[in-house]
C-alpha atoms as a PDB file:
ATOM      1  CA  UNK A   1      24.278 -18.448 -16.377  1.00  0.00           C
ATOM      2  CA  UNK A   2      20.748 -19.860 -16.628  1.00  0.00           C
ATOM      3  CA  UNK A   3      21.119 -21.506 -13.214  1.00  0.00           C
ATOM      4  CA  UNK A   4      22.153 -18.176 -11.691  1.00  0.00           C
ATOM      5  CA  UNK A   5      19.157 -16.381 -13.195  1.00  0.00           C
ATOM      6  CA  UNK A   6      16.843 -19.140 -11.967  1.00  0.00           C
ATOM      7  CA  UNK A   7      18.377 -18.833  -8.502  1.00  0.00           C
ATOM      8  CA  UNK A   8      17.819 -15.083  -8.405  1.00  0.00           C
ATOM      9  CA  UNK A   9      14.190 -15.511  -9.493  1.00  0.00           C
ATOM     10  CA  UNK A  10      13.525 -18.286  -6.972  1.00  0.00           C
ATOM     11  CA  UNK A  11      15.095 -16.385  -4.083  1.00  0.00           C
ATOM     12  CA  UNK A  12      13.223 -13.217  -5.041  1.00  0.00           C
ATOM     13  CA  UNK A  13       9.955 -15.162  -5.057  1.00  0.00           C
ATOM     14  CA  UNK A  14      10.747 -16.801  -1.714  1.00  0.00           C
ATOM     15  CA  UNK A  15      11.603 -13.534   0.019  1.00  0.00           C
ATOM     16  CA  UNK A  16       8.566 -11.772  -1.451  1.00  0.00           C
ATOM     17  CA  UNK A  17       6.279 -14.491  -0.119  1.00  0.00           C
ATOM     18  CA  UNK A  18       7.989 -14.246   3.269  1.00  0.00           C
ATOM     19  CA  UNK A  19       7.327 -10.499   3.336  1.00  0.00           C
ATOM     20  CA  UNK A  20       3.648 -11.065   2.492  1.00  0.00           C
ATOM     21  CA  UNK A  21       2.991 -13.937   4.942  1.00  0.00           C
ATOM     22  CA  UNK A  22       0.871 -11.819   7.281  1.00  0.00           C
ATOM     23  CA  UNK A  23      -1.644 -11.220   4.492  1.00  0.00           C
ATOM     24  CA  UNK A  24      -2.874 -14.794   4.465  1.00  0.00           C
ATOM     25  CA  UNK A  25      -2.253 -18.484   4.759  1.00  0.00           C
ATOM     26  CA  UNK A  26      -1.652 -18.857   1.035  1.00  0.00           C
ATOM     27  CA  UNK A  27       1.482 -16.749   1.298  1.00  0.00           C
ATOM     28  CA  UNK A  28       2.867 -19.068   3.981  1.00  0.00           C
ATOM     29  CA  UNK A  29       2.332 -22.028   1.668  1.00  0.00           C
ATOM     30  CA  UNK A  30       3.864 -20.076  -1.229  1.00  0.00           C
ATOM     31  CA  UNK A  31       6.878 -19.344   0.996  1.00  0.00           C
ATOM     32  CA  UNK A  32       7.216 -23.096   1.621  1.00  0.00           C
ATOM     33  CA  UNK A  33       7.187 -23.692  -2.137  1.00  0.00           C
ATOM     34  CA  UNK A  34       9.803 -20.966  -2.574  1.00  0.00           C
ATOM     35  CA  UNK A  35      11.988 -22.621   0.053  1.00  0.00           C
ATOM     36  CA  UNK A  36      11.653 -25.973  -1.726  1.00  0.00           C
ATOM     37  CA  UNK A  37      12.588 -24.362  -5.041  1.00  0.00           C
ATOM     38  CA  UNK A  38      15.576 -22.601  -3.501  1.00  0.00           C
ATOM     39  CA  UNK A  39      16.611 -25.910  -1.950  1.00  0.00           C
ATOM     40  CA  UNK A  40      16.571 -27.474  -5.405  1.00  0.00           C
ATOM     41  CA  UNK A  41      18.627 -24.534  -6.682  1.00  0.00           C
ATOM     42  CA  UNK A  42      21.135 -25.009  -3.858  1.00  0.00           C
ATOM     43  CA  UNK A  43      21.626 -28.676  -4.652  1.00  0.00           C
ATOM     44  CA  UNK A  44      21.775 -27.997  -8.414  1.00  0.00           C
ATOM     45  CA  UNK A  45      24.425 -25.314  -7.940  1.00  0.00           C
ATOM     46  CA  UNK A  46      26.538 -27.545  -5.713  1.00  0.00           C
ATOM     47  CA  UNK A  47      25.845 -25.583  -2.532  1.00  0.00           C
ATOM     48  CA  UNK A  48      24.492 -28.577  -0.613  1.00  0.00           C
ATOM     49  CA  UNK A  49      24.491 -26.856   2.827  1.00  0.00           C
ATOM     50  CA  UNK A  50      22.227 -24.135   1.392  1.00  0.00           C
ATOM     51  CA  UNK A  51      20.037 -26.794  -0.209  1.00  0.00           C
ATOM     52  CA  UNK A  52      19.746 -28.693   3.062  1.00  0.00           C
ATOM     53  CA  UNK A  53      18.886 -25.611   5.128  1.00  0.00           C
ATOM     54  CA  UNK A  54      16.246 -24.482   2.638  1.00  0.00           C
ATOM     55  CA  UNK A  55      14.716 -27.974   2.669  1.00  0.00           C
ATOM     56  CA  UNK A  56      14.375 -27.726   6.448  1.00  0.00           C
ATOM     57  CA  UNK A  57      12.819 -24.244   6.132  1.00  0.00           C
ATOM     58  CA  UNK A  58      10.361 -25.649   3.615  1.00  0.00           C
ATOM     59  CA  UNK A  59       9.204 -28.294   6.098  1.00  0.00           C
ATOM     60  CA  UNK A  60       8.925 -25.687   8.856  1.00  0.00           C
ATOM     61  CA  UNK A  61       6.863 -23.397   6.604  1.00  0.00           C
ATOM     62  CA  UNK A  62       4.511 -26.241   5.629  1.00  0.00           C
ATOM     63  CA  UNK A  63       3.979 -27.038   9.323  1.00  0.00           C
ATOM     64  CA  UNK A  64       3.262 -23.356  10.006  1.00  0.00           C
ATOM     65  CA  UNK A  65       0.782 -23.250   7.119  1.00  0.00           C
ATOM     66  CA  UNK A  66      -0.886 -26.466   8.332  1.00  0.00           C
ATOM     67  CA  UNK A  67      -1.216 -25.057  11.855  1.00  0.00           C
ATOM     68  CA  UNK A  68      -2.585 -21.728  10.637  1.00  0.00           C
ATOM     69  CA  UNK A  69      -5.243 -23.387   8.501  1.00  0.00           C
ATOM     70  CA  UNK A  70      -6.272 -25.561  11.458  1.00  0.00           C
ATOM     71  CA  UNK A  71      -6.411 -22.665  13.927  1.00  0.00           C
ATOM     72  CA  UNK A  72      -3.404 -23.845  15.902  1.00  0.00           C
ATOM     73  CA  UNK A  73      -1.491 -20.931  17.468  1.00  0.00           C
ATOM     74  CA  UNK A  74       1.959 -20.418  15.952  1.00  0.00           C
ATOM     75  CA  UNK A  75       4.728 -20.435  18.529  1.00  0.00           C
END
């Protein structure tokens, strides 16, 4: 039960940060953290494909944040 509640909170955080990304670079980085946390949730709950996909999204979001803070256009 606690794992389910944690998963709901993590996914809510991740999706909220995704919705707010256009407000600033910090939200992109927060989205990356949310993806990493949801990846950990996926692996902890035994849903390894979900965990793997969220880990990839976390890396993509960090690269987007890095590019935005360096003035690199996002493709």
